[in-house]
Amino acid sequence: MCTNIMEQTPVAGAGKGEHGWFKVKTAIVSYDHPVQLTDEHALNIDFLSDAITERVAVELDATSARALVAAINEALRQAEEANAIV
């Protein structure tokens, strides 16, 4: 069964795709059927440029997705503590 859970946010970054590096402008996060992962549902993250052909896709199980969120938050906390975020 499809969940139809999807969130989209503008981002500023870069991703490396099939043709090299490109600017990433949008992140789409969904919890639905994965393409490659064998789980029935997964957290799917698509990083997109303006061109629809430039895309980096990631599929994570729920445990890995939560661990990634925790690792990102901890890295940002340490960067803020070190006054490294400008």
PDB file of N, CA and C in Angstrom:
ATOM      1  N   MET A   1       0.836  -1.176   0.000  1.00  0.00           N
ATOM      2  CA  MET A   1       0.000   0.000   0.000  1.00  0.00           C
ATOM      3  C   MET A   1       0.883   1.243   0.000  1.00  0.00           C
ATOM      4  N   CYS A   2       0.581   2.193  -0.836  1.00  0.00           N
ATOM      5  CA  CYS A   2       1.332   3.447  -0.887  1.00  0.00           C
ATOM      6  C   CYS A   2       0.965   4.315   0.310  1.00  0.00           C
ATOM      7  N   THR A   3       1.962   5.012   0.846  1.00  0.00           N
ATOM      8  CA  THR A   3       1.703   5.881   1.990  1.00  0.00           C
ATOM      9  C   THR A   3       1.388   7.310   1.567  1.00  0.00           C
ATOM     10  N   ASN A   4       1.887   7.725   0.405  1.00  0.00           N
ATOM     11  CA  ASN A   4       1.727   9.097  -0.082  1.00  0.00           C
ATOM     12  C   ASN A   4       2.290  10.129   0.891  1.00  0.00           C
ATOM     13  N   ILE A   5       3.295   9.747   1.687  1.00  0.00           N
ATOM     14  CA  ILE A   5       3.953  10.680   2.609  1.00  0.00           C
ATOM     15  C   ILE A   5       5.106  11.334   1.866  1.00  0.00           C
ATOM     16  N   MET A   6       5.065  12.664   1.743  1.00  0.00           N
ATOM     17  CA  MET A   6       6.119  13.377   1.035  1.00  0.00           C
ATOM     18  C   MET A   6       6.274  14.785   1.587  1.00  0.00           C
ATOM     19  N   GLU A   7       7.513  15.194   1.776  1.00  0.00           N
ATOM     20  CA  GLU A   7       7.848  16.557   2.170  1.00  0.00           C
ATOM     21  C   GLU A   7       8.890  17.079   1.187  1.00  0.00           C
ATOM     22  N   GLN A   8       8.807  18.360   0.875  1.00  0.00           N
ATOM     23  CA  GLN A   8       9.757  18.984  -0.046  1.00  0.00           C
ATOM     24  C   GLN A   8      10.299  20.246   0.595  1.00  0.00           C
ATOM     25  N   THR A   9      11.598  20.504   0.406  1.00  0.00           N
ATOM     26  CA  THR A   9      12.197  21.713   0.957  1.00  0.00           C
ATOM     27  C   THR A   9      13.276  22.241   0.026  1.00  0.00           C
ATOM     28  N   PRO A  10      13.395  23.557  -0.077  1.00  0.00           N
ATOM     29  CA  PRO A  10      14.526  24.107  -0.826  1.00  0.00           C
ATOM     30  C   PRO A  10      15.814  23.893  -0.032  1.00  0.00           C
ATOM     31  N   VAL A  11      16.904  23.601  -0.718  1.00  0.00           N
ATOM     32  CA  VAL A  11      18.210  23.421  -0.091  1.00  0.00           C
ATOM     33  C   VAL A  11      19.268  24.109  -0.946  1.00  0.00           C
ATOM     34  N   ALA A  12      20.419  24.361  -0.354  1.00  0.00           N
ATOM     35  CA  ALA A  12      21.568  24.905  -1.085  1.00  0.00           C
ATOM     36  C   ALA A  12      22.718  23.946  -0.870  1.00  0.00           C
ATOM     37  N   GLY A  13      23.186  23.323  -1.930  1.00  0.00           N
ATOM     38  CA  GLY A  13      24.265  22.363  -1.796  1.00  0.00           C
ATOM     39  C   GLY A  13      24.720  21.859  -3.150  1.00  0.00           C
ATOM     40  N   ALA A  14      25.420  20.738  -3.131  1.00  0.00           N
ATOM     41  CA  ALA A  14      25.920  20.121  -4.354  1.00  0.00           C
ATOM     42  C   ALA A  14      25.807  18.616  -4.228  1.00  0.00           C
ATOM     43  N   GLY A  15      25.612  17.967  -5.344  1.00  0.00           N
ATOM     44  CA  GLY A  15      25.544  16.513  -5.389  1.00  0.00           C
ATOM     45  C   GLY A  15      26.347  16.003  -6.567  1.00  0.00           C
ATOM     46  N   LYS A  16      26.794  14.773  -6.465  1.00  0.00           N
ATOM     47  CA  LYS A  16      27.551  14.182  -7.563  1.00  0.00           C
ATOM     48  C   LYS A  16      26.697  13.111  -8.215  1.00  0.00           C
ATOM     49  N   GLY A  17      26.411  13.323  -9.473  1.00  0.00           N
ATOM     50  CA  GLY A  17      25.588  12.392 -10.224  1.00  0.00           C
ATOM     51  C   GLY A  17      26.379  11.705 -11.314  1.00  0.00           C
ATOM     52  N   GLU A  18      25.673  11.143 -12.245  1.00  0.00           N
ATOM     53  CA  GLU A  18      26.269  10.386 -13.344  1.00  0.00           C
ATOM     54  C   GLU A  18      27.218  11.230 -14.192  1.00  0.00           C
ATOM     55  N   HIS A  19      26.934  12.520 -14.316  1.00  0.00           N
ATOM     56  CA  HIS A  19      27.736  13.400 -15.171  1.00  0.00           C
ATOM     57  C   HIS A  19      28.588  14.370 -14.370  1.00  0.00           C
ATOM     58  N   GLY A  20      28.860  14.070 -13.113  1.00  0.00           N
ATOM     59  CA  GLY A  20      29.697  14.933 -12.279  1.00  0.00           C
ATOM     60  C   GLY A  20      28.867  15.732 -11.287  1.00  0.00           C
ATOM     61  N   TRP A  21      29.489  16.777 -10.764  1.00  0.00           N
ATOM     62  CA  TRP A  21      28.859  17.597  -9.723  1.00  0.00           C
ATOM     63  C   TRP A  21      27.825  18.548 -10.301  1.00  0.00           C
ATOM     64  N   PHE A  22      26.768  18.813  -9.515  1.00  0.00           N
ATOM     65  CA  PHE A  22      25.745  19.779  -9.907  1.00  0.00           C
ATOM     66  C   PHE A  22      25.191  20.446  -8.658  1.00  0.00           C
ATOM     67  N   LYS A  23      24.603  21.626  -8.844  1.00  0.00           N
ATOM     68  CA  LYS A  23      23.980  22.339  -7.727  1.00  0.00           C
ATOM     69  C   LYS A  23      22.685  21.641  -7.332  1.00  0.00           C
ATOM     70  N   VAL A  24      22.502  21.475  -6.027  1.00  0.00           N
ATOM     71  CA  VAL A  24      21.273  20.885  -5.499  1.00  0.00           C
ATOM     72  C   VAL A  24      20.406  22.021  -4.979  1.00  0.00           C
ATOM     73  N   LYS A  25      19.166  22.068  -5.436  1.00  0.00           N
ATOM     74  CA  LYS A  25      18.266  23.155  -5.055  1.00  0.00           C
ATOM     75  C   LYS A  25      17.027  22.690  -4.302  1.00  0.00           C
ATOM     76  N   THR A  26      16.697  21.404  -4.412  1.00  0.00           N
ATOM     77  CA  THR A  26      15.486  20.874  -3.785  1.00  0.00           C
ATOM     78  C   THR A  26      15.775  19.497  -3.192  1.00  0.00           C
ATOM     79  N   ALA A  27      15.204  19.251  -2.012  1.00  0.00           N
ATOM     80  CA  ALA A  27      15.241  17.908  -1.429  1.00  0.00           C
ATOM     81  C   ALA A  27      13.800  17.444  -1.256  1.00  0.00           C
ATOM     82  N   ILE A  28      13.531  16.252  -1.720  1.00  0.00           N
ATOM     83  CA  ILE A  28      12.217  15.641  -1.543  1.00  0.00           C
ATOM     84  C   ILE A  28      12.413  14.407  -0.662  1.00  0.00           C
ATOM     85  N   VAL A  29      11.696  14.373   0.447  1.00  0.00           N
ATOM     86  CA  VAL A  29      11.777  13.259   1.388  1.00  0.00           C
ATOM     87  C   VAL A  29      10.419  12.570   1.402  1.00  0.00           C
ATOM     88  N   SER A  30      10.434  11.272   1.168  1.00  0.00           N
ATOM     89  CA  SER A  30       9.176  10.524   1.188  1.00  0.00           C
ATOM     90  C   SER A  30       9.359   9.241   1.989  1.00  0.00           C
ATOM     91  N   TYR A  31       8.259   8.706   2.457  1.00  0.00           N
ATOM     92  CA  TYR A  31       8.261   7.389   3.087  1.00  0.00           C
ATOM     93  C   TYR A  31       7.279   6.551   2.298  1.00  0.00           C
ATOM     94  N   ASP A  32       7.823   5.693   1.446  1.00  0.00           N
ATOM     95  CA  ASP A  32       6.977   4.929   0.536  1.00  0.00           C
ATOM     96  C   ASP A  32       7.769   3.733   0.015  1.00  0.00           C
ATOM     97  N   HIS A  33       7.305   3.130  -1.045  1.00  0.00           N
ATOM     98  CA  HIS A  33       7.970   1.965  -1.618  1.00  0.00           C
ATOM     99  C   HIS A  33       9.321   2.370  -2.211  1.00  0.00           C
ATOM    100  N   PRO A  34      10.400   1.666  -1.854  1.00  0.00           N
ATOM    101  CA  PRO A  34      11.695   1.946  -2.463  1.00  0.00           C
ATOM    102  C   PRO A  34      11.812   1.260  -3.827  1.00  0.00           C
ATOM    103  N   VAL A  35      12.810   1.672  -4.581  1.00  0.00           N
ATOM    104  CA  VAL A  35      13.078   1.054  -5.878  1.00  0.00           C
ATOM    105  C   VAL A  35      14.076  -0.092  -5.724  1.00  0.00           C
ATOM    106  N   GLN A  36      15.154   0.132  -4.978  1.00  0.00           N
ATOM    107  CA  GLN A  36      16.213  -0.872  -4.836  1.00  0.00           C
ATOM    108  C   GLN A  36      16.189  -1.615  -3.504  1.00  0.00           C
ATOM    109  N   LEU A  37      15.931  -0.911  -2.422  1.00  0.00           N
ATOM    110  CA  LEU A  37      15.917  -1.528  -1.096  1.00  0.00           C
ATOM    111  C   LEU A  37      14.820  -2.586  -1.049  1.00  0.00           C
ATOM    112  N   THR A  38      15.066  -3.687  -0.376  1.00  0.00           N
ATOM    113  CA  THR A  38      14.092  -4.787  -0.388  1.00  0.00           C
ATOM    114  C   THR A  38      12.976  -4.637   0.645  1.00  0.00           C
ATOM    115  N   ASP A  39      13.057  -3.626   1.520  1.00  0.00           N
ATOM    116  CA  ASP A  39      11.993  -3.384   2.496  1.00  0.00           C
ATOM    117  C   ASP A  39      10.706  -2.973   1.778  1.00  0.00           C
ATOM    118  N   GLU A  40       9.571  -3.212   2.423  1.00  0.00           N
ATOM    119  CA  GLU A  40       8.299  -2.803   1.813  1.00  0.00           C
ATOM    120  C   GLU A  40       8.191  -1.285   1.703  1.00  0.00           C
ATOM    121  N   HIS A  41       8.668  -0.577   2.728  1.00  0.00           N
ATOM    122  CA  HIS A  41       8.687   0.883   2.723  1.00  0.00           C
ATOM    123  C   HIS A  41      10.057   1.358   3.176  1.00  0.00           C
ATOM    124  N   ALA A  42      10.425   2.558   2.749  1.00  0.00           N
ATOM    125  CA  ALA A  42      11.717   3.129   3.128  1.00  0.00           C
ATOM    126  C   ALA A  42      11.601   4.642   3.124  1.00  0.00           C
ATOM    127  N   LEU A  43      12.549   5.278   3.803  1.00  0.00           N
ATOM    128  CA  LEU A  43      12.670   6.724   3.706  1.00  0.00           C
ATOM    129  C   LEU A  43      13.473   6.995   2.440  1.00  0.00           C
ATOM    130  N   ASN A  44      12.899   7.747   1.535  1.00  0.00           N
ATOM    131  CA  ASN A  44      13.519   8.030   0.242  1.00  0.00           C
ATOM    132  C   ASN A  44      13.848   9.513   0.181  1.00  0.00           C
ATOM    133  N   ILE A  45      15.089   9.831  -0.154  1.00  0.00           N
ATOM    134  CA  ILE A  45      15.510  11.222  -0.276  1.00  0.00           C
ATOM    135  C   ILE A  45      15.996  11.440  -1.697  1.00  0.00           C
ATOM    136  N   ASP A  46      15.433  12.428  -2.369  1.00  0.00           N
ATOM    137  CA  ASP A  46      15.875  12.827  -3.701  1.00  0.00           C
ATOM    138  C   ASP A  46      16.419  14.243  -3.614  1.00  0.00           C
ATOM    139  N   PHE A  47      17.668  14.418  -4.028  1.00  0.00           N
ATOM    140  CA  PHE A  47      18.282  15.739  -4.114  1.00  0.00           C
ATOM    141  C   PHE A  47      18.271  16.121  -5.585  1.00  0.00           C
ATOM    142  N   LEU A  48      17.643  17.256  -5.898  1.00  0.00           N
ATOM    143  CA  LEU A  48      17.428  17.650  -7.289  1.00  0.00           C
ATOM    144  C   LEU A  48      18.037  19.008  -7.598  1.00  0.00           C
ATOM    145  N   SER A  49      18.450  19.167  -8.863  1.00  0.00           N
ATOM    146  CA  SER A  49      18.836  20.483  -9.366  1.00  0.00           C
ATOM    147  C   SER A  49      17.610  21.080 -10.049  1.00  0.00           C
ATOM    148  N   ASP A  50      17.806  22.172 -10.746  1.00  0.00           N
ATOM    149  CA  ASP A  50      16.706  22.735 -11.531  1.00  0.00           C
ATOM    150  C   ASP A  50      16.336  21.807 -12.687  1.00  0.00           C
ATOM    151  N   ALA A  51      17.356  21.165 -13.248  1.00  0.00           N
ATOM    152  CA  ALA A  51      17.117  20.235 -14.356  1.00  0.00           C
ATOM    153  C   ALA A  51      16.625  18.912 -13.783  1.00  0.00           C
ATOM    154  N   ILE A  52      15.549  18.420 -14.294  1.00  0.00           N
ATOM    155  CA  ILE A  52      14.953  17.198 -13.756  1.00  0.00           C
ATOM    156  C   ILE A  52      15.863  15.985 -13.936  1.00  0.00           C
ATOM    157  N   THR A  53      16.815  16.069 -14.860  1.00  0.00           N
ATOM    158  CA  THR A  53      17.701  14.936 -15.112  1.00  0.00           C
ATOM    159  C   THR A  53      18.835  14.833 -14.104  1.00  0.00           C
ATOM    160  N   GLU A  54      19.109  15.899 -13.356  1.00  0.00           N
ATOM    161  CA  GLU A  54      20.183  15.868 -12.369  1.00  0.00           C
ATOM    162  C   GLU A  54      19.582  15.551 -11.005  1.00  0.00           C
ATOM    163  N   ARG A  55      19.916  14.348 -10.494  1.00  0.00           N
ATOM    164  CA  ARG A  55      19.264  13.857  -9.281  1.00  0.00           C
ATOM    165  C   ARG A  55      20.171  12.857  -8.580  1.00  0.00           C
ATOM    166  N   VAL A  56      20.180  12.930  -7.259  1.00  0.00           N
ATOM    167  CA  VAL A  56      20.814  11.905  -6.436  1.00  0.00           C
ATOM    168  C   VAL A  56      19.712  11.339  -5.549  1.00  0.00           C
ATOM    169  N   ALA A  57      19.538  10.030  -5.572  1.00  0.00           N
ATOM    170  CA  ALA A  57      18.486   9.381  -4.788  1.00  0.00           C
ATOM    171  C   ALA A  57      19.112   8.483  -3.726  1.00  0.00           C
ATOM    172  N   VAL A  58      18.496   8.463  -2.537  1.00  0.00           N
ATOM    173  CA  VAL A  58      18.944   7.626  -1.427  1.00  0.00           C
ATOM    174  C   VAL A  58      17.717   6.942  -0.830  1.00  0.00           C
ATOM    175  N   GLU A  59      17.840   5.654  -0.535  1.00  0.00           N
ATOM    176  CA  GLU A  59      16.785   4.905   0.140  1.00  0.00           C
ATOM    177  C   GLU A  59      17.356   4.334   1.430  1.00  0.00           C
ATOM    178  N   LEU A  60      16.688   4.584   2.556  1.00  0.00           N
ATOM    179  CA  LEU A  60      17.160   4.122   3.864  1.00  0.00           C
ATOM    180  C   LEU A  60      16.037   3.428   4.617  1.00  0.00           C
ATOM    181  N   ASP A  61      16.400   2.388   5.385  1.00  0.00           N
ATOM    182  CA  ASP A  61      15.393   1.836   6.278  1.00  0.00           C
ATOM    183  C   ASP A  61      15.186   2.828   7.424  1.00  0.00           C
ATOM    184  N   ALA A  62      14.118   2.672   8.175  1.00  0.00           N
ATOM    185  CA  ALA A  62      13.750   3.654   9.208  1.00  0.00           C
ATOM    186  C   ALA A  62      14.839   3.806  10.268  1.00  0.00           C
ATOM    187  N   THR A  63      15.467   2.714  10.674  1.00  0.00           N
ATOM    188  CA  THR A  63      16.527   2.783  11.683  1.00  0.00           C
ATOM    189  C   THR A  63      17.710   3.597  11.171  1.00  0.00           C
ATOM    190  N   SER A  64      18.109   3.351   9.936  1.00  0.00           N
ATOM    191  CA  SER A  64      19.219   4.100   9.341  1.00  0.00           C
ATOM    192  C   SER A  64      18.867   5.573   9.173  1.00  0.00           C
ATOM    193  N   ALA A  65      17.627   5.861   8.784  1.00  0.00           N
ATOM    194  CA  ALA A  65      17.199   7.250   8.611  1.00  0.00           C
ATOM    195  C   ALA A  65      17.263   8.004   9.936  1.00  0.00           C
ATOM    196  N   ARG A  66      16.799   7.373  11.006  1.00  0.00           N
ATOM    197  CA  ARG A  66      16.868   8.015  12.328  1.00  0.00           C
ATOM    198  C   ARG A  66      18.317   8.213  12.767  1.00  0.00           C
ATOM    199  N   ALA A  67      19.180   7.237  12.497  1.00  0.00           N
ATOM    200  CA  ALA A  67      20.600   7.363  12.839  1.00  0.00           C
ATOM    201  C   ALA A  67      21.244   8.494  12.042  1.00  0.00           C
ATOM    202  N   LEU A  68      20.861   8.648  10.781  1.00  0.00           N
ATOM    203  CA  LEU A  68      21.394   9.737   9.958  1.00  0.00           C
ATOM    204  C   LEU A  68      20.958  11.089  10.499  1.00  0.00           C
ATOM    205  N   VAL A  69      19.691  11.230  10.869  1.00  0.00           N
ATOM    206  CA  VAL A  69      19.197  12.484  11.458  1.00  0.00           C
ATOM    207  C   VAL A  69      19.978  12.811  12.723  1.00  0.00           C
ATOM    208  N   ALA A  70      20.201  11.826  13.583  1.00  0.00           N
ATOM    209  CA  ALA A  70      20.955  12.044  14.822  1.00  0.00           C
ATOM    210  C   ALA A  70      22.392  12.454  14.521  1.00  0.00           C
ATOM    211  N   ALA A  71      23.022  11.817  13.538  1.00  0.00           N
ATOM    212  CA  ALA A  71      24.404  12.154  13.181  1.00  0.00           C
ATOM    213  C   ALA A  71      24.497  13.567  12.608  1.00  0.00           C
ATOM    214  N   ILE A  72      23.542  13.959  11.777  1.00  0.00           N
ATOM    215  CA  ILE A  72      23.523  15.321  11.227  1.00  0.00           C
ATOM    216  C   ILE A  72      23.354  16.331  12.352  1.00  0.00           C
ATOM    217  N   ASN A  73      22.395  16.096  13.239  1.00  0.00           N
ATOM    218  CA  ASN A  73      22.178  17.019  14.360  1.00  0.00           C
ATOM    219  C   ASN A  73      23.408  17.133  15.246  1.00  0.00           C
ATOM    220  N   GLU A  74      24.091  16.024  15.502  1.00  0.00           N
ATOM    221  CA  GLU A  74      25.290  16.053  16.343  1.00  0.00           C
ATOM    222  C   GLU A  74      26.435  16.794  15.654  1.00  0.00           C
ATOM    223  N   ALA A  75      26.631  16.565  14.367  1.00  0.00           N
ATOM    224  CA  ALA A  75      27.683  17.281  13.635  1.00  0.00           C
ATOM    225  C   ALA A  75      27.413  18.785  13.637  1.00  0.00           C
ATOM    226  N   LEU A  76      26.157  19.187  13.448  1.00  0.00           N
ATOM    227  CA  LEU A  76      25.804  20.611  13.482  1.00  0.00           C
ATOM    228  C   LEU A  76      25.963  21.190  14.881  1.00  0.00           C
ATOM    229  N   ARG A  77      25.625  20.423  15.905  1.00  0.00           N
ATOM    230  CA  ARG A  77      25.809  20.883  17.280  1.00  0.00           C
ATOM    231  C   ARG A  77      27.287  21.151  17.556  1.00  0.00           C
ATOM    232  N   GLN A  78      28.146  20.228  17.144  1.00  0.00           N
ATOM    233  CA  GLN A  78      29.579  20.406  17.353  1.00  0.00           C
ATOM    234  C   GLN A  78      30.121  21.587  16.552  1.00  0.00           C
ATOM    235  N   ALA A  79      29.628  21.775  15.337  1.00  0.00           N
ATOM    236  CA  ALA A  79      30.063  22.907  14.514  1.00  0.00           C
ATOM    237  C   ALA A  79      29.646  24.230  15.148  1.00  0.00           C
ATOM    238  N   GLU A  80      28.424  24.290  15.685  1.00  0.00           N
ATOM    239  CA  GLU A  80      27.970  25.503  16.373  1.00  0.00           C
ATOM    240  C   GLU A  80      28.805  25.764  17.615  1.00  0.00           C
ATOM    241  N   GLU A  81      29.100  24.710  18.368  1.00  0.00           N
ATOM    242  CA  GLU A  81      29.914  24.837  19.575  1.00  0.00           C
ATOM    243  C   GLU A  81      31.314  25.368  19.241  1.00  0.00           C
ATOM    244  N   ALA A  82      31.831  24.997  18.084  1.00  0.00           N
ATOM    245  CA  ALA A  82      33.155  25.444  17.644  1.00  0.00           C
ATOM    246  C   ALA A  82      33.091  26.763  16.873  1.00  0.00           C
ATOM    247  N   ASN A  83      31.900  27.383  16.815  1.00  0.00           N
ATOM    248  CA  ASN A  83      31.697  28.622  16.050  1.00  0.00           C
ATOM    249  C   ASN A  83      32.134  28.470  14.596  1.00  0.00           C
ATOM    250  N   ALA A  84      31.905  27.304  14.029  1.00  0.00           N
ATOM    251  CA  ALA A  84      32.322  27.027  12.657  1.00  0.00           C
ATOM    252  C   ALA A  84      31.224  27.316  11.634  1.00  0.00           C
ATOM    253  N   ILE A  85      30.009  27.550  12.088  1.00  0.00           N
ATOM    254  CA  ILE A  85      28.911  27.846  11.163  1.00  0.00           C
ATOM    255  C   ILE A  85      28.837  29.352  10.968  1.00  0.00           C
ATOM    256  N   VAL A  86      28.940  29.762   9.716  1.00  0.00           N
ATOM    257  CA  VAL A  86      28.869  31.197   9.400  1.00  0.00           C
ATOM    258  C   VAL A  86      27.586  31.539   8.705  1.00  0.00           C
TER     259      VAL A  86
END
